[in-house]
Each structure stands twice: as C-alpha cells, then as structure tokens.
Amino acid sequence: MMAPAAMFFGGVEGTEIVMHSAGIHNAVNINGFDLCAAKLSKHEAFPDGYPVLPIADYGELHEMMEIATCGYPLGEVLQDQLGTVTSSLTKGMISSIIPAQGVSLQHLRGFQLDLTATNGNSGGPVFSLHTGKVFGVLQSGAVHPGTGHAVQGLTRAEPIYPLFADDVLDRLRQRPIPGQR
C-alpha cells in the first residue's frame, strides 16, 4: 500500500525534472465543499517551510475579473503527444460568483469561470491575474446534459475560504505527526 504524498517541483537538472515528495500525515475535509487541508511532514528541501501562495481578500473579487490557473492538463498525455510534462498556465475570468456577486462569505458556494481547463487541471489554484492571490481551487467543468461532453470554457472553482472557518487549520496544525516533534 502506497502512503499518500504531496509533490513539489524541485527544478531541472539537465534533462531531468526534480520532484520532492512529502508524506501526508493528517488531513481534514471541509463539509459541503470539495476541499481538503493536509498536514505534511518536514522535508530537507524546504528547511524554512513549504512554498505558499497569498490569499485574495474576498471583498476584492468580482465578476469579469481576470484570473488564471495552473496545472498539468491531460497529465501524461501531453508527455506522449508533445514531449512535455511542465505546468501550464491558463487565463480566463470570473463569469459568476455563486450564488450571486456580493453575497456574504458564509453563503459563498463557488465560482463559475470562463476558463478552458481539462483533466489534470483539477485541484490547481485559481488566482487573480493582477495580484497573484489565490481565491479558489479548480474543481471541474460543466457537462452538456444532452451529450455528456464537457462544455469548453465553462469551469467551476471551489472557494478556499471555508478552510479558514471554524479553526480548521489551527486544529490540523495541533495534530502531531508520528515520529516528529
């Protein structure tokens, strides 16, 4: 049985891509959202802690805002077809705040994006193109009810703000990692 892990880009050495694996020792899922927070073991490649992304102030988000996501569209298929496994940046905009723009944070359910994404982009950060601050996690695209095919350019993102409610992160930080102090 393989232990769960998070992967971090470590650079390029010649023609090889270096990735660092960090074990996941605790995780908390957020009820009602497709979100999870994970506690990672320490790693010598990151002596000062893991890389982080700044969080966008919810009050700054609006429909028609330019956004972007990054990820690995189609996963290994691009390696086979194009010879690359590097991350891809995709631009778009917030087309709708769900259930409505201006809704209070406690009632926020998600974001509809005008953004082309595919399998492999899911789980990637969604951020303001202007500030680089993250506000969501790419979840999935819409599926046409008649054909069952993905509707291009229509994607959903989960808001990250529920991770900061009810002391979720503080409770996760307090959980010990076996074998570490």
N, C-alpha and C. Protein backbone atom coordinates (compact mmCIF):
# COMPACT_ATOMS: atom_id res chain seq x y z
N MET A 1 0.84 -1.18 0.00
CA MET A 1 0.00 0.00 0.00
C MET A 1 0.89 1.25 0.00
N MET A 2 0.58 2.17 -0.89
CA MET A 2 1.38 3.38 -1.02
C MET A 2 0.84 4.46 -0.08
N ALA A 3 1.72 5.13 0.62
CA ALA A 3 1.32 6.21 1.52
C ALA A 3 1.02 7.47 0.71
N PRO A 4 0.00 8.23 1.11
CA PRO A 4 -0.31 9.46 0.37
C PRO A 4 0.81 10.49 0.52
N ALA A 5 1.02 11.26 -0.55
CA ALA A 5 2.09 12.26 -0.54
C ALA A 5 1.70 13.45 -1.40
N ALA A 6 2.33 14.58 -1.13
CA ALA A 6 2.21 15.78 -1.96
C ALA A 6 3.52 15.92 -2.73
N MET A 7 3.44 16.36 -3.98
CA MET A 7 4.62 16.52 -4.81
C MET A 7 4.91 18.00 -5.03
N PHE A 8 6.21 18.35 -4.95
CA PHE A 8 6.66 19.72 -5.15
C PHE A 8 7.74 19.74 -6.22
N PHE A 9 7.65 20.71 -7.12
CA PHE A 9 8.65 20.90 -8.16
C PHE A 9 9.96 21.33 -7.52
N GLY A 10 11.04 20.67 -7.87
CA GLY A 10 12.34 20.98 -7.29
C GLY A 10 13.35 21.53 -8.28
N GLY A 11 12.93 21.75 -9.52
CA GLY A 11 13.85 22.31 -10.50
C GLY A 11 14.16 21.32 -11.61
N VAL A 12 15.12 21.69 -12.43
CA VAL A 12 15.54 20.87 -13.56
C VAL A 12 17.03 20.66 -13.47
N GLU A 13 17.45 19.42 -13.61
CA GLU A 13 18.87 19.07 -13.63
C GLU A 13 19.15 18.38 -14.96
N GLY A 14 19.76 19.14 -15.88
CA GLY A 14 19.98 18.61 -17.22
C GLY A 14 18.64 18.45 -17.93
N THR A 15 18.29 17.23 -18.28
CA THR A 15 17.00 16.97 -18.93
C THR A 15 16.00 16.34 -17.96
N GLU A 16 16.39 16.23 -16.70
CA GLU A 16 15.52 15.59 -15.70
C GLU A 16 14.79 16.64 -14.85
N ILE A 17 13.51 16.39 -14.61
CA ILE A 17 12.72 17.23 -13.72
C ILE A 17 12.82 16.63 -12.32
N VAL A 18 13.16 17.46 -11.35
CA VAL A 18 13.30 17.01 -9.97
C VAL A 18 12.01 17.31 -9.21
N MET A 19 11.45 16.29 -8.59
CA MET A 19 10.25 16.45 -7.78
C MET A 19 10.56 15.97 -6.36
N HIS A 20 9.98 16.65 -5.37
CA HIS A 20 10.14 16.28 -3.97
C HIS A 20 8.81 15.76 -3.45
N SER A 21 8.85 14.64 -2.77
CA SER A 21 7.66 14.02 -2.21
C SER A 21 7.62 14.27 -0.70
N ALA A 22 6.48 14.74 -0.21
CA ALA A 22 6.30 14.97 1.23
C ALA A 22 5.10 14.15 1.69
N GLY A 23 5.31 13.34 2.70
CA GLY A 23 4.23 12.49 3.20
C GLY A 23 3.11 13.29 3.84
N ILE A 24 1.88 12.85 3.60
CA ILE A 24 0.69 13.45 4.21
C ILE A 24 0.36 12.62 5.44
N HIS A 25 0.34 13.27 6.60
CA HIS A 25 0.11 12.54 7.84
C HIS A 25 -1.25 12.78 8.46
N ASN A 26 -1.84 13.90 8.19
CA ASN A 26 -3.19 14.21 8.67
C ASN A 26 -3.88 15.03 7.60
N ALA A 27 -5.19 14.90 7.53
CA ALA A 27 -5.97 15.68 6.58
C ALA A 27 -7.35 15.94 7.15
N VAL A 28 -7.93 17.04 6.74
CA VAL A 28 -9.28 17.42 7.15
C VAL A 28 -10.03 17.81 5.90
N ASN A 29 -11.22 17.22 5.69
CA ASN A 29 -12.04 17.66 4.57
C ASN A 29 -13.06 18.67 5.09
N ILE A 30 -13.53 19.51 4.20
CA ILE A 30 -14.45 20.58 4.57
C ILE A 30 -15.84 20.17 4.09
N ASN A 31 -16.74 19.95 5.03
CA ASN A 31 -18.10 19.51 4.69
C ASN A 31 -18.78 20.49 3.74
N GLY A 32 -19.42 19.94 2.73
CA GLY A 32 -20.15 20.74 1.76
C GLY A 32 -19.29 21.30 0.64
N PHE A 33 -17.97 21.07 0.69
CA PHE A 33 -17.06 21.56 -0.34
C PHE A 33 -16.12 20.45 -0.75
N ASP A 34 -15.60 20.54 -1.96
CA ASP A 34 -14.62 19.57 -2.46
C ASP A 34 -13.23 20.10 -2.11
N LEU A 35 -12.97 20.23 -0.80
CA LEU A 35 -11.72 20.79 -0.30
C LEU A 35 -11.15 19.90 0.79
N CYS A 36 -9.84 19.94 0.90
CA CYS A 36 -9.15 19.21 1.95
C CYS A 36 -7.90 19.99 2.33
N ALA A 37 -7.59 19.99 3.61
CA ALA A 37 -6.33 20.57 4.08
C ALA A 37 -5.49 19.41 4.59
N ALA A 38 -4.21 19.39 4.26
CA ALA A 38 -3.34 18.28 4.64
C ALA A 38 -2.15 18.79 5.43
N LYS A 39 -1.72 17.98 6.40
CA LYS A 39 -0.52 18.29 7.18
C LYS A 39 0.61 17.42 6.63
N LEU A 40 1.69 18.08 6.24
CA LEU A 40 2.82 17.40 5.61
C LEU A 40 3.97 17.24 6.60
N SER A 41 4.74 16.18 6.38
CA SER A 41 5.95 16.01 7.18
C SER A 41 7.01 16.99 6.70
N LYS A 42 7.99 17.27 7.54
CA LYS A 42 9.09 18.16 7.16
C LYS A 42 9.89 17.53 6.04
N HIS A 43 10.54 18.39 5.25
CA HIS A 43 11.35 17.90 4.13
C HIS A 43 12.62 18.74 4.07
N GLU A 44 13.77 18.10 3.88
CA GLU A 44 15.05 18.82 3.88
C GLU A 44 15.16 19.82 2.73
N ALA A 45 14.39 19.65 1.66
CA ALA A 45 14.44 20.60 0.54
C ALA A 45 13.76 21.92 0.90
N PHE A 46 12.98 21.92 1.99
CA PHE A 46 12.25 23.11 2.41
C PHE A 46 12.50 23.38 3.89
N PRO A 47 13.73 23.74 4.27
CA PRO A 47 14.05 23.90 5.69
C PRO A 47 13.28 25.04 6.37
N ASP A 48 12.82 26.02 5.59
CA ASP A 48 12.07 27.14 6.15
C ASP A 48 10.56 26.99 5.95
N GLY A 49 10.12 25.81 5.55
CA GLY A 49 8.70 25.57 5.30
C GLY A 49 8.41 25.47 3.81
N TYR A 50 7.24 24.98 3.51
CA TYR A 50 6.84 24.78 2.11
C TYR A 50 6.45 26.11 1.46
N PRO A 51 6.53 26.17 0.12
CA PRO A 51 6.11 27.39 -0.58
C PRO A 51 4.62 27.62 -0.34
N VAL A 52 4.24 28.88 -0.26
CA VAL A 52 2.84 29.23 -0.05
C VAL A 52 2.42 30.28 -1.07
N LEU A 53 1.12 30.39 -1.26
CA LEU A 53 0.55 31.41 -2.14
C LEU A 53 -0.29 32.34 -1.30
N PRO A 54 -0.23 33.66 -1.58
CA PRO A 54 -1.06 34.59 -0.80
C PRO A 54 -2.54 34.39 -1.11
N ILE A 55 -3.38 34.71 -0.14
CA ILE A 55 -4.83 34.52 -0.26
C ILE A 55 -5.48 35.86 -0.62
N ALA A 56 -6.39 35.82 -1.59
CA ALA A 56 -7.10 37.02 -2.02
C ALA A 56 -8.15 37.41 -0.98
N ASP A 57 -8.31 38.69 -0.79
CA ASP A 57 -9.38 39.21 0.04
C ASP A 57 -10.69 39.02 -0.73
N TYR A 58 -11.64 38.32 -0.13
CA TYR A 58 -12.91 38.04 -0.80
C TYR A 58 -13.58 39.32 -1.31
N GLY A 59 -13.47 40.41 -0.57
CA GLY A 59 -14.08 41.67 -0.96
C GLY A 59 -13.52 42.25 -2.25
N GLU A 60 -12.36 41.80 -2.69
CA GLU A 60 -11.75 42.30 -3.92
C GLU A 60 -12.19 41.54 -5.16
N LEU A 61 -12.88 40.41 -4.97
CA LEU A 61 -13.28 39.58 -6.11
C LEU A 61 -14.55 40.12 -6.76
N HIS A 62 -14.61 40.03 -8.08
CA HIS A 62 -15.79 40.50 -8.80
C HIS A 62 -15.89 39.77 -10.13
N GLU A 63 -17.10 39.73 -10.65
CA GLU A 63 -17.32 39.14 -11.96
C GLU A 63 -16.59 39.95 -13.01
N MET A 64 -16.11 39.28 -14.04
CA MET A 64 -15.32 39.84 -15.14
C MET A 64 -13.85 40.07 -14.74
N MET A 65 -13.47 39.66 -13.54
CA MET A 65 -12.08 39.80 -13.08
C MET A 65 -11.20 38.81 -13.83
N GLU A 66 -10.03 39.26 -14.29
CA GLU A 66 -9.09 38.38 -14.98
C GLU A 66 -8.43 37.45 -13.96
N ILE A 67 -8.45 36.16 -14.29
CA ILE A 67 -7.91 35.15 -13.39
C ILE A 67 -7.06 34.17 -14.18
N ALA A 68 -6.41 33.27 -13.47
CA ALA A 68 -5.63 32.23 -14.13
C ALA A 68 -5.57 31.00 -13.22
N THR A 69 -5.19 29.90 -13.80
CA THR A 69 -4.93 28.68 -13.06
C THR A 69 -3.71 28.02 -13.68
N CYS A 70 -3.11 27.12 -12.94
CA CYS A 70 -2.01 26.36 -13.50
C CYS A 70 -2.18 24.90 -13.08
N GLY A 71 -1.63 24.03 -13.87
CA GLY A 71 -1.76 22.61 -13.59
C GLY A 71 -1.13 21.81 -14.70
N TYR A 72 -1.53 20.57 -14.78
CA TYR A 72 -0.97 19.63 -15.75
C TYR A 72 -2.10 19.08 -16.60
N PRO A 73 -2.59 19.87 -17.60
CA PRO A 73 -3.71 19.41 -18.40
C PRO A 73 -3.41 18.10 -19.11
N LEU A 74 -4.33 17.19 -18.99
CA LEU A 74 -4.26 15.85 -19.60
C LEU A 74 -3.15 14.99 -19.01
N GLY A 75 -2.50 15.46 -17.95
CA GLY A 75 -1.50 14.64 -17.27
C GLY A 75 -0.41 14.15 -18.20
N GLU A 76 -0.19 12.86 -18.23
CA GLU A 76 0.90 12.29 -19.02
C GLU A 76 0.61 12.24 -20.51
N VAL A 77 -0.62 12.54 -20.93
CA VAL A 77 -0.95 12.54 -22.35
C VAL A 77 -0.11 13.56 -23.09
N LEU A 78 0.12 14.73 -22.46
CA LEU A 78 0.95 15.74 -23.13
C LEU A 78 2.39 15.28 -23.27
N GLN A 79 2.87 14.48 -22.35
CA GLN A 79 4.22 13.92 -22.49
C GLN A 79 4.27 13.04 -23.74
N ASP A 80 3.26 12.22 -23.90
CA ASP A 80 3.22 11.31 -25.05
C ASP A 80 3.05 12.07 -26.37
N GLN A 81 2.21 13.12 -26.38
CA GLN A 81 1.90 13.81 -27.63
C GLN A 81 2.83 14.99 -27.94
N LEU A 82 3.24 15.73 -26.91
CA LEU A 82 4.04 16.93 -27.14
C LEU A 82 5.44 16.86 -26.56
N GLY A 83 5.71 15.84 -25.74
CA GLY A 83 7.03 15.71 -25.14
C GLY A 83 7.25 16.61 -23.95
N THR A 84 6.18 17.03 -23.27
CA THR A 84 6.32 17.92 -22.13
C THR A 84 5.47 17.46 -20.96
N VAL A 85 5.95 17.67 -19.76
CA VAL A 85 5.15 17.45 -18.55
C VAL A 85 5.22 18.69 -17.67
N THR A 86 5.58 19.82 -18.26
CA THR A 86 5.66 21.05 -17.48
C THR A 86 4.27 21.59 -17.19
N SER A 87 4.19 22.40 -16.18
CA SER A 87 2.93 23.02 -15.79
C SER A 87 2.49 23.99 -16.88
N SER A 88 1.18 24.16 -16.97
CA SER A 88 0.60 25.04 -17.97
C SER A 88 -0.21 26.13 -17.29
N LEU A 89 -0.09 27.37 -17.74
CA LEU A 89 -0.85 28.50 -17.21
C LEU A 89 -1.98 28.80 -18.18
N THR A 90 -3.20 28.94 -17.64
CA THR A 90 -4.37 29.23 -18.46
C THR A 90 -5.08 30.45 -17.90
N LYS A 91 -5.38 31.42 -18.78
CA LYS A 91 -6.06 32.65 -18.37
C LYS A 91 -7.55 32.56 -18.63
N GLY A 92 -8.31 33.34 -17.85
CA GLY A 92 -9.75 33.42 -18.03
C GLY A 92 -10.31 34.55 -17.20
N MET A 93 -11.59 34.42 -16.81
CA MET A 93 -12.21 35.42 -15.95
C MET A 93 -13.28 34.78 -15.08
N ILE A 94 -13.62 35.46 -13.99
CA ILE A 94 -14.74 35.03 -13.17
C ILE A 94 -16.00 35.44 -13.93
N SER A 95 -16.82 34.46 -14.32
CA SER A 95 -18.05 34.81 -15.02
C SER A 95 -19.23 34.90 -14.06
N SER A 96 -19.14 34.24 -12.90
CA SER A 96 -20.22 34.32 -11.93
C SER A 96 -19.71 33.93 -10.55
N ILE A 97 -20.15 34.65 -9.55
CA ILE A 97 -19.90 34.27 -8.17
C ILE A 97 -21.17 33.58 -7.69
N ILE A 98 -21.04 32.38 -7.16
CA ILE A 98 -22.21 31.55 -6.82
C ILE A 98 -22.51 31.66 -5.32
N PRO A 99 -23.71 32.03 -4.91
CA PRO A 99 -24.93 32.16 -5.71
C PRO A 99 -25.11 33.52 -6.37
N ALA A 100 -24.41 34.58 -5.91
CA ALA A 100 -24.54 35.89 -6.55
C ALA A 100 -23.40 36.78 -6.08
N GLN A 101 -22.96 37.68 -6.97
CA GLN A 101 -21.92 38.63 -6.59
C GLN A 101 -22.41 39.47 -5.41
N GLY A 102 -21.54 39.69 -4.44
CA GLY A 102 -21.88 40.49 -3.27
C GLY A 102 -22.45 39.68 -2.12
N VAL A 103 -22.66 38.38 -2.32
CA VAL A 103 -23.17 37.53 -1.24
C VAL A 103 -22.14 37.49 -0.12
N SER A 104 -22.59 37.38 1.12
CA SER A 104 -21.63 37.33 2.23
C SER A 104 -20.81 36.05 2.15
N LEU A 105 -19.63 36.10 2.71
CA LEU A 105 -18.68 34.99 2.64
C LEU A 105 -19.28 33.68 3.14
N GLN A 106 -20.09 33.73 4.19
CA GLN A 106 -20.66 32.49 4.74
C GLN A 106 -21.63 31.81 3.79
N HIS A 107 -22.15 32.54 2.78
CA HIS A 107 -23.09 31.96 1.82
C HIS A 107 -22.43 31.64 0.47
N LEU A 108 -21.17 31.95 0.33
CA LEU A 108 -20.44 31.70 -0.91
C LEU A 108 -20.35 30.19 -1.16
N ARG A 109 -20.71 29.76 -2.38
CA ARG A 109 -20.68 28.34 -2.73
C ARG A 109 -19.65 28.01 -3.80
N GLY A 110 -19.22 28.99 -4.58
CA GLY A 110 -18.23 28.70 -5.62
C GLY A 110 -18.12 29.82 -6.64
N PHE A 111 -17.37 29.52 -7.68
CA PHE A 111 -17.13 30.48 -8.76
C PHE A 111 -17.31 29.76 -10.09
N GLN A 112 -18.06 30.40 -11.00
CA GLN A 112 -18.13 29.92 -12.37
C GLN A 112 -17.11 30.71 -13.16
N LEU A 113 -16.28 30.00 -13.90
CA LEU A 113 -15.17 30.63 -14.60
C LEU A 113 -15.31 30.46 -16.10
N ASP A 114 -14.94 31.49 -16.82
CA ASP A 114 -14.78 31.42 -18.27
C ASP A 114 -13.30 31.09 -18.45
N LEU A 115 -13.00 29.80 -18.49
CA LEU A 115 -11.62 29.32 -18.45
C LEU A 115 -11.57 27.94 -19.08
N THR A 116 -10.66 27.73 -19.99
CA THR A 116 -10.51 26.41 -20.59
C THR A 116 -9.61 25.56 -19.72
N ALA A 117 -10.15 24.45 -19.26
CA ALA A 117 -9.40 23.52 -18.42
C ALA A 117 -9.82 22.09 -18.79
N THR A 118 -9.02 21.15 -18.40
CA THR A 118 -9.31 19.76 -18.71
C THR A 118 -8.80 18.87 -17.58
N ASN A 119 -8.96 17.57 -17.74
CA ASN A 119 -8.44 16.65 -16.74
C ASN A 119 -6.97 16.95 -16.52
N GLY A 120 -6.56 16.98 -15.27
CA GLY A 120 -5.17 17.31 -14.93
C GLY A 120 -5.04 18.72 -14.39
N ASN A 121 -5.99 19.60 -14.74
CA ASN A 121 -6.01 20.94 -14.16
C ASN A 121 -6.73 20.94 -12.80
N SER A 122 -7.61 19.98 -12.58
CA SER A 122 -8.39 19.92 -11.35
C SER A 122 -7.48 19.93 -10.13
N GLY A 123 -7.87 20.70 -9.13
CA GLY A 123 -7.08 20.80 -7.91
C GLY A 123 -6.05 21.91 -7.95
N GLY A 124 -5.89 22.54 -9.10
CA GLY A 124 -4.93 23.64 -9.22
C GLY A 124 -5.47 24.92 -8.61
N PRO A 125 -4.59 25.83 -8.22
CA PRO A 125 -5.05 27.09 -7.64
C PRO A 125 -5.67 27.99 -8.71
N VAL A 126 -6.69 28.75 -8.32
CA VAL A 126 -7.28 29.77 -9.19
C VAL A 126 -6.96 31.09 -8.51
N PHE A 127 -6.36 32.01 -9.26
CA PHE A 127 -5.86 33.24 -8.66
C PHE A 127 -6.09 34.44 -9.55
N SER A 128 -6.05 35.61 -8.92
CA SER A 128 -6.17 36.87 -9.65
C SER A 128 -4.93 37.03 -10.53
N LEU A 129 -5.14 37.33 -11.78
CA LEU A 129 -4.01 37.54 -12.68
C LEU A 129 -3.27 38.83 -12.32
N HIS A 130 -3.98 39.79 -11.76
CA HIS A 130 -3.37 41.08 -11.39
C HIS A 130 -2.52 40.97 -10.12
N THR A 131 -3.02 40.27 -9.08
CA THR A 131 -2.32 40.24 -7.79
C THR A 131 -1.58 38.93 -7.52
N GLY A 132 -1.96 37.86 -8.21
CA GLY A 132 -1.38 36.55 -7.94
C GLY A 132 -1.95 35.88 -6.71
N LYS A 133 -2.95 36.49 -6.09
CA LYS A 133 -3.53 35.93 -4.87
C LYS A 133 -4.62 34.90 -5.19
N VAL A 134 -4.60 33.81 -4.44
CA VAL A 134 -5.49 32.67 -4.67
C VAL A 134 -6.83 32.88 -3.98
N PHE A 135 -7.90 32.46 -4.67
CA PHE A 135 -9.24 32.51 -4.08
C PHE A 135 -10.00 31.21 -4.25
N GLY A 136 -9.49 30.30 -5.08
CA GLY A 136 -10.23 29.07 -5.32
C GLY A 136 -9.33 27.92 -5.75
N VAL A 137 -9.96 26.76 -5.83
CA VAL A 137 -9.31 25.54 -6.31
C VAL A 137 -10.15 25.03 -7.47
N LEU A 138 -9.52 24.82 -8.62
CA LEU A 138 -10.24 24.36 -9.80
C LEU A 138 -10.86 23.01 -9.53
N GLN A 139 -12.17 22.91 -9.79
CA GLN A 139 -12.87 21.68 -9.49
C GLN A 139 -13.19 20.88 -10.74
N SER A 140 -14.04 21.43 -11.58
CA SER A 140 -14.47 20.66 -12.75
C SER A 140 -15.12 21.59 -13.76
N GLY A 141 -15.37 21.03 -14.91
CA GLY A 141 -16.08 21.76 -15.94
C GLY A 141 -17.53 21.33 -15.99
N ALA A 142 -18.33 22.10 -16.70
CA ALA A 142 -19.74 21.76 -16.88
C ALA A 142 -19.87 20.70 -17.97
N VAL A 143 -20.88 19.87 -17.83
CA VAL A 143 -21.14 18.81 -18.80
C VAL A 143 -22.49 19.10 -19.47
N HIS A 144 -22.51 19.04 -20.79
CA HIS A 144 -23.74 19.28 -21.54
C HIS A 144 -24.73 18.15 -21.22
N PRO A 145 -25.95 18.48 -20.80
CA PRO A 145 -26.90 17.43 -20.39
C PRO A 145 -27.32 16.51 -21.53
N GLY A 146 -27.32 17.01 -22.76
CA GLY A 146 -27.75 16.19 -23.90
C GLY A 146 -26.68 15.24 -24.40
N THR A 147 -25.41 15.69 -24.39
CA THR A 147 -24.34 14.89 -24.98
C THR A 147 -23.45 14.22 -23.94
N GLY A 148 -23.40 14.79 -22.74
CA GLY A 148 -22.50 14.26 -21.72
C GLY A 148 -21.07 14.71 -21.92
N HIS A 149 -20.81 15.57 -22.92
CA HIS A 149 -19.47 16.07 -23.20
C HIS A 149 -19.22 17.36 -22.42
N ALA A 150 -17.97 17.60 -22.09
CA ALA A 150 -17.60 18.82 -21.38
C ALA A 150 -17.91 20.05 -22.23
N VAL A 151 -18.39 21.10 -21.58
CA VAL A 151 -18.63 22.38 -22.25
C VAL A 151 -17.34 23.17 -22.13
N GLN A 152 -16.69 23.44 -23.24
CA GLN A 152 -15.42 24.15 -23.23
C GLN A 152 -15.59 25.58 -22.73
N GLY A 153 -14.65 26.01 -21.87
CA GLY A 153 -14.63 27.37 -21.38
C GLY A 153 -15.57 27.64 -20.21
N LEU A 154 -16.22 26.62 -19.67
CA LEU A 154 -17.11 26.80 -18.52
C LEU A 154 -16.64 25.87 -17.42
N THR A 155 -16.06 26.45 -16.38
CA THR A 155 -15.41 25.68 -15.33
C THR A 155 -15.87 26.20 -13.97
N ARG A 156 -15.78 25.33 -12.96
CA ARG A 156 -16.17 25.70 -11.60
C ARG A 156 -14.94 25.63 -10.69
N ALA A 157 -14.88 26.57 -9.73
CA ALA A 157 -13.84 26.54 -8.71
C ALA A 157 -14.49 26.58 -7.34
N GLU A 158 -13.93 25.82 -6.42
CA GLU A 158 -14.36 25.85 -5.03
C GLU A 158 -13.68 27.04 -4.36
N PRO A 159 -14.40 27.77 -3.50
CA PRO A 159 -13.74 28.85 -2.75
C PRO A 159 -12.85 28.24 -1.68
N ILE A 160 -11.72 28.87 -1.39
CA ILE A 160 -10.82 28.35 -0.36
C ILE A 160 -11.16 28.86 1.03
N TYR A 161 -12.04 29.84 1.12
CA TYR A 161 -12.32 30.49 2.40
C TYR A 161 -12.87 29.56 3.48
N PRO A 162 -13.62 28.50 3.16
CA PRO A 162 -14.06 27.59 4.23
C PRO A 162 -12.90 26.93 4.98
N LEU A 163 -11.71 26.88 4.38
CA LEU A 163 -10.54 26.33 5.07
C LEU A 163 -10.16 27.16 6.29
N PHE A 164 -10.55 28.43 6.29
CA PHE A 164 -10.16 29.34 7.36
C PHE A 164 -11.27 29.52 8.41
N ALA A 165 -12.40 28.86 8.20
CA ALA A 165 -13.52 28.97 9.14
C ALA A 165 -13.40 27.89 10.22
N ASP A 166 -13.99 28.14 11.34
CA ASP A 166 -14.08 27.15 12.43
C ASP A 166 -12.73 26.59 12.86
N ASP A 167 -11.67 27.35 12.76
CA ASP A 167 -10.35 26.94 13.23
C ASP A 167 -9.85 25.64 12.60
N VAL A 168 -10.27 25.36 11.37
CA VAL A 168 -9.87 24.12 10.68
C VAL A 168 -8.36 23.99 10.63
N LEU A 169 -7.67 25.02 10.17
CA LEU A 169 -6.21 24.94 10.03
C LEU A 169 -5.51 24.87 11.37
N ASP A 170 -6.01 25.60 12.35
CA ASP A 170 -5.40 25.55 13.69
C ASP A 170 -5.51 24.14 14.29
N ARG A 171 -6.66 23.52 14.13
CA ARG A 171 -6.84 22.14 14.64
C ARG A 171 -5.89 21.18 13.93
N LEU A 172 -5.73 21.37 12.62
CA LEU A 172 -4.83 20.49 11.86
C LEU A 172 -3.38 20.71 12.29
N ARG A 173 -2.98 21.96 12.52
CA ARG A 173 -1.61 22.25 12.97
C ARG A 173 -1.31 21.59 14.32
N GLN A 174 -2.29 21.48 15.18
CA GLN A 174 -2.09 20.93 16.52
C GLN A 174 -1.97 19.41 16.52
N ARG A 175 -2.41 18.76 15.46
CA ARG A 175 -2.31 17.30 15.39
C ARG A 175 -0.85 16.92 15.22
N PRO A 176 -0.33 16.02 16.04
CA PRO A 176 1.08 15.62 15.91
C PRO A 176 1.33 14.75 14.68
N ILE A 177 2.53 14.84 14.16
CA ILE A 177 2.97 13.96 13.08
C ILE A 177 3.77 12.84 13.75
N PRO A 178 3.39 11.60 13.51
CA PRO A 178 4.12 10.50 14.14
C PRO A 178 5.62 10.56 13.86
N GLY A 179 6.43 10.46 14.90
CA GLY A 179 7.89 10.44 14.77
C GLY A 179 8.53 11.81 14.67
N GLN A 180 7.74 12.90 14.69
CA GLN A 180 8.31 14.25 14.63
C GLN A 180 7.91 15.03 15.87
N ARG A 181 8.75 15.97 16.23
CA ARG A 181 8.45 16.84 17.37
C ARG A 181 8.27 18.24 16.92
